[in-house]
């Protein structure tokens, strides 16, 4: 499952989420990962967050000049247990960014894609 910081989120179309949380089960235990996206990162960022095998992330298009490397600022907060409340995630995001944004309306979405293929032997 995924928690998005927007009412009626459409992750394949929406841009520039400040954070996204995924909840997953591994070896019988439930874990969650919050991906915190810093506002100084490039805009036009789309999150790939809908697969059911634990892969998600942020993607954008930009040009990186040879003489000026691109530095990204992200934070992952990993925990064991049920999906955290949006207020807690927003608190983590505010601490990371130095902002004081309010808790946004949210959407809880189930994964939609098929499982990852089995590894080749």
N, C-alpha and C. Protein backbone atom coordinates (compact mmCIF):
# COMPACT_ATOMS: atom_id res chain seq x y z
N UNK A 1 0.83 -1.18 0.00
CA UNK A 1 0.00 0.00 0.00
C UNK A 1 0.88 1.24 0.00
N UNK A 2 0.32 2.32 -0.53
CA UNK A 2 1.03 3.58 -0.63
C UNK A 2 0.18 4.71 -0.06
N UNK A 3 0.81 5.61 0.66
CA UNK A 3 0.15 6.80 1.19
C UNK A 3 0.71 8.01 0.46
N UNK A 4 -0.19 8.78 -0.16
CA UNK A 4 0.19 9.96 -0.94
C UNK A 4 -0.32 11.22 -0.25
N UNK A 5 0.44 12.32 -0.32
CA UNK A 5 0.03 13.57 0.33
C UNK A 5 -0.87 14.43 -0.55
N UNK A 6 -1.93 13.83 -1.05
CA UNK A 6 -2.87 14.55 -1.91
C UNK A 6 -4.18 13.78 -1.93
N UNK A 7 -5.30 14.49 -1.84
CA UNK A 7 -6.61 13.85 -1.98
C UNK A 7 -6.75 13.39 -3.42
N UNK A 8 -7.34 12.25 -3.64
CA UNK A 8 -7.56 11.70 -4.98
C UNK A 8 -6.28 11.67 -5.81
N UNK A 9 -5.19 11.24 -5.20
CA UNK A 9 -3.89 11.18 -5.88
C UNK A 9 -3.95 10.27 -7.11
N UNK A 10 -3.24 10.69 -8.15
CA UNK A 10 -3.07 9.90 -9.37
C UNK A 10 -1.56 9.81 -9.60
N UNK A 11 -0.90 8.84 -8.97
CA UNK A 11 0.56 8.82 -8.98
C UNK A 11 1.20 8.74 -10.36
N UNK A 12 0.51 8.22 -11.33
CA UNK A 12 1.10 8.15 -12.68
C UNK A 12 1.03 9.49 -13.40
N UNK A 13 0.31 10.46 -12.83
CA UNK A 13 0.17 11.78 -13.47
C UNK A 13 0.59 12.94 -12.59
N UNK A 14 0.38 12.84 -11.28
CA UNK A 14 0.69 13.95 -10.38
C UNK A 14 2.19 14.24 -10.36
N UNK A 15 2.52 15.48 -10.05
CA UNK A 15 3.92 15.90 -9.97
C UNK A 15 4.24 16.50 -8.61
N UNK A 16 5.49 16.33 -8.21
CA UNK A 16 6.09 17.03 -7.08
C UNK A 16 5.47 16.75 -5.72
N UNK A 17 5.20 15.48 -5.43
CA UNK A 17 4.80 15.14 -4.07
C UNK A 17 5.96 15.47 -3.13
N UNK A 18 5.68 16.01 -1.96
CA UNK A 18 6.77 16.25 -1.00
C UNK A 18 7.22 14.96 -0.30
N UNK A 19 6.35 13.97 -0.29
CA UNK A 19 6.68 12.67 0.30
C UNK A 19 5.70 11.61 -0.19
N UNK A 20 6.13 10.35 -0.07
CA UNK A 20 5.29 9.19 -0.35
C UNK A 20 5.73 8.10 0.62
N UNK A 21 4.77 7.31 1.11
CA UNK A 21 5.10 6.21 2.03
C UNK A 21 4.60 4.91 1.43
N UNK A 22 5.43 3.88 1.52
CA UNK A 22 5.03 2.54 1.10
C UNK A 22 5.05 1.62 2.31
N UNK A 23 4.05 0.75 2.39
CA UNK A 23 3.99 -0.29 3.41
C UNK A 23 4.09 -1.63 2.70
N UNK A 24 4.89 -2.54 3.26
CA UNK A 24 5.06 -3.84 2.61
C UNK A 24 5.33 -4.91 3.66
N UNK A 25 5.18 -6.15 3.26
CA UNK A 25 5.41 -7.29 4.15
C UNK A 25 6.64 -8.03 3.64
N UNK A 26 7.56 -8.30 4.56
CA UNK A 26 8.78 -9.03 4.24
C UNK A 26 8.99 -10.08 5.33
N UNK A 27 9.01 -11.35 4.91
CA UNK A 27 9.20 -12.46 5.84
C UNK A 27 8.24 -12.41 7.02
N UNK A 28 6.99 -12.07 6.70
CA UNK A 28 5.94 -12.09 7.70
C UNK A 28 5.84 -10.85 8.57
N UNK A 29 6.73 -9.88 8.39
CA UNK A 29 6.68 -8.64 9.17
C UNK A 29 6.31 -7.48 8.26
N UNK A 30 5.59 -6.50 8.83
CA UNK A 30 5.19 -5.32 8.08
C UNK A 30 6.19 -4.20 8.31
N UNK A 31 6.63 -3.58 7.22
CA UNK A 31 7.56 -2.46 7.26
C UNK A 31 6.98 -1.31 6.45
N UNK A 32 7.55 -0.14 6.64
CA UNK A 32 7.17 1.01 5.82
C UNK A 32 8.39 1.85 5.53
N UNK A 33 8.37 2.52 4.39
CA UNK A 33 9.44 3.42 3.98
C UNK A 33 8.81 4.73 3.54
N UNK A 34 9.24 5.83 4.14
CA UNK A 34 8.82 7.16 3.72
C UNK A 34 9.94 7.76 2.88
N UNK A 35 9.62 8.19 1.67
CA UNK A 35 10.55 8.88 0.78
C UNK A 35 10.23 10.36 0.91
N UNK A 36 11.16 11.14 1.46
CA UNK A 36 10.97 12.58 1.64
C UNK A 36 11.73 13.31 0.54
N UNK A 37 11.02 14.11 -0.23
CA UNK A 37 11.58 14.82 -1.38
C UNK A 37 11.79 16.29 -1.00
N UNK A 38 13.02 16.76 -1.04
CA UNK A 38 13.34 18.13 -0.63
C UNK A 38 12.88 19.13 -1.70
N UNK A 39 12.34 20.29 -1.28
CA UNK A 39 11.84 21.27 -2.26
C UNK A 39 12.93 21.89 -3.13
N UNK A 40 14.21 21.74 -2.78
CA UNK A 40 15.29 22.26 -3.62
C UNK A 40 15.63 21.32 -4.77
N UNK A 41 15.07 20.11 -4.77
CA UNK A 41 15.29 19.18 -5.89
C UNK A 41 14.57 19.71 -7.13
N UNK A 42 14.95 19.22 -8.31
CA UNK A 42 14.27 19.67 -9.54
C UNK A 42 12.76 19.45 -9.47
N UNK A 43 12.02 20.36 -10.09
CA UNK A 43 10.57 20.23 -10.14
C UNK A 43 10.17 19.37 -11.33
N UNK A 44 8.89 19.06 -11.39
CA UNK A 44 8.40 18.16 -12.43
C UNK A 44 8.65 16.71 -12.07
N UNK A 45 8.81 16.45 -10.78
CA UNK A 45 9.11 15.10 -10.31
C UNK A 45 7.85 14.25 -10.26
N UNK A 46 7.94 13.08 -10.85
CA UNK A 46 6.85 12.11 -10.82
C UNK A 46 7.32 10.93 -9.98
N UNK A 47 6.43 10.43 -9.13
CA UNK A 47 6.76 9.26 -8.33
C UNK A 47 6.23 8.01 -9.00
N UNK A 48 7.09 7.02 -9.07
CA UNK A 48 6.68 5.68 -9.49
C UNK A 48 6.40 4.94 -8.18
N UNK A 49 5.13 4.86 -7.83
CA UNK A 49 4.75 4.28 -6.54
C UNK A 49 3.43 3.55 -6.70
N UNK A 50 3.48 2.40 -7.31
CA UNK A 50 2.25 1.63 -7.49
C UNK A 50 2.53 0.15 -7.66
N UNK A 51 3.78 -0.26 -7.67
CA UNK A 51 4.11 -1.68 -7.83
C UNK A 51 3.92 -2.43 -6.51
N UNK A 52 3.67 -3.74 -6.61
CA UNK A 52 3.41 -4.50 -5.38
C UNK A 52 4.63 -5.26 -4.88
N UNK A 53 5.82 -4.94 -5.36
CA UNK A 53 7.00 -5.66 -4.91
C UNK A 53 8.05 -4.75 -4.27
N UNK A 54 7.64 -3.60 -3.78
CA UNK A 54 8.52 -2.80 -2.96
C UNK A 54 9.39 -1.78 -3.67
N UNK A 55 9.24 -1.60 -4.96
CA UNK A 55 10.06 -0.63 -5.67
C UNK A 55 9.26 0.66 -5.85
N UNK A 56 9.84 1.78 -5.41
CA UNK A 56 9.23 3.07 -5.69
C UNK A 56 10.30 4.15 -5.62
N UNK A 57 10.05 5.27 -6.26
CA UNK A 57 11.03 6.34 -6.27
C UNK A 57 10.53 7.54 -7.05
N UNK A 58 11.37 8.58 -7.10
CA UNK A 58 11.03 9.83 -7.76
C UNK A 58 11.88 10.01 -9.01
N UNK A 59 11.26 10.52 -10.07
CA UNK A 59 11.94 10.69 -11.35
C UNK A 59 11.60 12.04 -11.94
N UNK A 60 12.56 12.66 -12.58
CA UNK A 60 12.37 13.96 -13.22
C UNK A 60 13.30 14.04 -14.42
N UNK A 61 13.07 15.03 -15.27
CA UNK A 61 13.94 15.28 -16.41
C UNK A 61 14.69 16.57 -16.16
N UNK A 62 15.98 16.55 -16.41
CA UNK A 62 16.80 17.76 -16.28
C UNK A 62 18.06 17.59 -17.10
N UNK A 63 18.76 18.67 -17.30
CA UNK A 63 20.06 18.64 -17.97
C UNK A 63 21.13 18.88 -16.92
N UNK A 64 22.14 18.04 -16.92
CA UNK A 64 23.22 18.17 -15.96
C UNK A 64 24.47 18.58 -16.72
N UNK A 65 24.91 19.84 -16.58
CA UNK A 65 26.13 20.27 -17.26
C UNK A 65 27.34 19.51 -16.74
N UNK A 66 28.29 19.27 -17.61
CA UNK A 66 29.49 18.52 -17.24
C UNK A 66 30.23 19.18 -16.08
N UNK A 67 30.27 20.52 -16.07
CA UNK A 67 31.04 21.24 -15.05
C UNK A 67 30.26 21.53 -13.77
N UNK A 68 28.99 21.13 -13.69
CA UNK A 68 28.18 21.40 -12.50
C UNK A 68 27.36 20.17 -12.15
N UNK A 69 27.87 19.33 -11.26
CA UNK A 69 27.14 18.11 -10.92
C UNK A 69 25.79 18.41 -10.26
N UNK A 70 24.89 17.48 -10.39
CA UNK A 70 23.56 17.60 -9.79
C UNK A 70 23.59 16.95 -8.41
N UNK A 71 23.18 17.70 -7.41
CA UNK A 71 23.09 17.17 -6.06
C UNK A 71 21.62 17.09 -5.68
N UNK A 72 21.19 15.92 -5.26
CA UNK A 72 19.80 15.71 -4.83
C UNK A 72 19.77 15.57 -3.32
N UNK A 73 18.68 15.99 -2.74
CA UNK A 73 18.52 15.94 -1.30
C UNK A 73 17.24 15.17 -1.00
N UNK A 74 17.38 13.92 -0.56
CA UNK A 74 16.24 13.09 -0.21
C UNK A 74 16.52 12.43 1.14
N UNK A 75 15.47 11.96 1.77
CA UNK A 75 15.64 11.23 3.02
C UNK A 75 14.66 10.06 3.01
N UNK A 76 15.15 8.92 3.48
CA UNK A 76 14.31 7.74 3.65
C UNK A 76 14.15 7.49 5.15
N UNK A 77 12.92 7.29 5.58
CA UNK A 77 12.64 6.95 6.97
C UNK A 77 12.00 5.57 6.94
N UNK A 78 12.69 4.59 7.52
CA UNK A 78 12.25 3.20 7.46
C UNK A 78 11.80 2.77 8.85
N UNK A 79 10.68 2.07 8.91
CA UNK A 79 10.19 1.61 10.20
C UNK A 79 9.49 0.27 10.10
N UNK A 80 9.36 -0.38 11.23
CA UNK A 80 8.62 -1.63 11.30
C UNK A 80 7.25 -1.33 11.89
N UNK A 81 6.23 -1.98 11.38
CA UNK A 81 4.88 -1.78 11.88
C UNK A 81 3.96 -1.25 10.80
N UNK A 82 2.78 -0.87 11.23
CA UNK A 82 1.77 -0.41 10.29
C UNK A 82 2.16 0.93 9.67
N UNK A 83 1.46 1.27 8.60
CA UNK A 83 1.67 2.53 7.90
C UNK A 83 1.53 3.70 8.88
N UNK A 84 2.49 4.62 8.91
CA UNK A 84 2.38 5.73 9.85
C UNK A 84 1.29 6.72 9.45
N UNK A 85 0.84 7.49 10.41
CA UNK A 85 -0.16 8.53 10.15
C UNK A 85 0.48 9.65 9.34
N UNK A 86 -0.33 10.32 8.52
CA UNK A 86 0.16 11.42 7.69
C UNK A 86 0.77 12.53 8.54
N UNK A 87 0.23 12.78 9.72
CA UNK A 87 0.77 13.84 10.59
C UNK A 87 2.21 13.54 10.98
N UNK A 88 2.50 12.29 11.27
CA UNK A 88 3.87 11.91 11.63
C UNK A 88 4.80 12.07 10.43
N UNK A 89 4.35 11.65 9.25
CA UNK A 89 5.18 11.78 8.05
C UNK A 89 5.43 13.25 7.75
N UNK A 90 4.40 14.08 7.86
CA UNK A 90 4.58 15.51 7.59
C UNK A 90 5.54 16.13 8.60
N UNK A 91 5.49 15.67 9.83
CA UNK A 91 6.43 16.15 10.85
C UNK A 91 7.87 15.82 10.45
N UNK A 92 8.08 14.60 9.94
CA UNK A 92 9.42 14.20 9.47
C UNK A 92 9.85 15.05 8.28
N UNK A 93 8.92 15.30 7.36
CA UNK A 93 9.22 16.11 6.18
C UNK A 93 9.55 17.54 6.58
N UNK A 94 8.81 18.11 7.52
CA UNK A 94 9.08 19.47 7.97
C UNK A 94 10.45 19.57 8.64
N UNK A 95 10.80 18.57 9.44
CA UNK A 95 12.11 18.57 10.09
C UNK A 95 13.22 18.49 9.04
N UNK A 96 13.00 17.73 7.98
CA UNK A 96 13.97 17.56 6.91
C UNK A 96 14.14 18.82 6.08
N UNK A 97 13.04 19.49 5.77
CA UNK A 97 13.08 20.64 4.86
C UNK A 97 13.20 21.99 5.57
N UNK A 98 12.96 22.02 6.88
CA UNK A 98 12.97 23.29 7.60
C UNK A 98 11.70 24.09 7.40
N UNK A 99 10.68 23.46 6.83
CA UNK A 99 9.41 24.15 6.59
C UNK A 99 8.43 23.82 7.72
N UNK A 100 7.26 24.42 7.66
CA UNK A 100 6.22 24.11 8.64
C UNK A 100 4.89 23.90 7.91
N UNK A 101 4.93 23.07 6.88
CA UNK A 101 3.73 22.80 6.09
C UNK A 101 2.70 22.04 6.92
N UNK A 102 1.42 22.32 6.68
CA UNK A 102 0.36 21.59 7.39
C UNK A 102 0.24 20.16 6.85
N UNK A 103 -0.44 19.33 7.61
CA UNK A 103 -0.71 17.96 7.16
C UNK A 103 -1.67 18.04 5.98
N UNK A 104 -1.29 17.49 4.83
CA UNK A 104 -2.16 17.57 3.66
C UNK A 104 -3.25 16.50 3.70
N UNK A 105 -4.30 16.68 2.89
CA UNK A 105 -5.23 15.56 2.69
C UNK A 105 -4.44 14.43 2.02
N UNK A 106 -4.86 13.21 2.23
CA UNK A 106 -4.08 12.09 1.71
C UNK A 106 -4.95 11.10 0.95
N UNK A 107 -4.25 10.22 0.23
CA UNK A 107 -4.88 9.09 -0.47
C UNK A 107 -4.12 7.84 -0.11
N UNK A 108 -4.83 6.79 0.21
CA UNK A 108 -4.23 5.48 0.46
C UNK A 108 -4.57 4.62 -0.74
N UNK A 109 -3.54 4.12 -1.43
CA UNK A 109 -3.74 3.35 -2.65
C UNK A 109 -3.11 1.97 -2.51
N UNK A 110 -3.80 0.99 -3.03
CA UNK A 110 -3.23 -0.35 -3.12
C UNK A 110 -2.35 -0.42 -4.36
N UNK A 111 -1.36 -1.29 -4.34
CA UNK A 111 -0.50 -1.44 -5.52
C UNK A 111 -1.33 -2.01 -6.67
N UNK A 112 -0.93 -1.66 -7.89
CA UNK A 112 -1.70 -2.06 -9.06
C UNK A 112 -0.94 -2.95 -10.02
N UNK A 113 0.37 -2.90 -9.99
CA UNK A 113 1.17 -3.64 -10.97
C UNK A 113 1.36 -5.08 -10.52
N UNK A 114 1.73 -5.91 -11.46
CA UNK A 114 2.01 -7.31 -11.15
C UNK A 114 3.33 -7.42 -10.40
N UNK A 115 3.50 -8.54 -9.73
CA UNK A 115 4.73 -8.78 -8.99
C UNK A 115 5.93 -8.83 -9.91
N UNK A 116 7.08 -8.59 -9.32
CA UNK A 116 8.33 -8.65 -10.08
C UNK A 116 8.53 -10.07 -10.59
N UNK A 117 9.14 -10.22 -11.75
CA UNK A 117 9.40 -11.56 -12.25
C UNK A 117 10.38 -12.30 -11.34
N UNK A 118 10.27 -13.61 -11.33
CA UNK A 118 11.18 -14.42 -10.53
C UNK A 118 12.60 -14.28 -11.09
N UNK A 119 13.61 -14.30 -10.22
CA UNK A 119 14.99 -14.18 -10.71
C UNK A 119 15.36 -15.36 -11.58
N UNK A 120 16.19 -15.08 -12.59
CA UNK A 120 16.66 -16.15 -13.48
C UNK A 120 17.73 -16.96 -12.78
N UNK A 121 17.72 -18.25 -13.03
CA UNK A 121 18.71 -19.13 -12.41
C UNK A 121 19.84 -19.44 -13.35
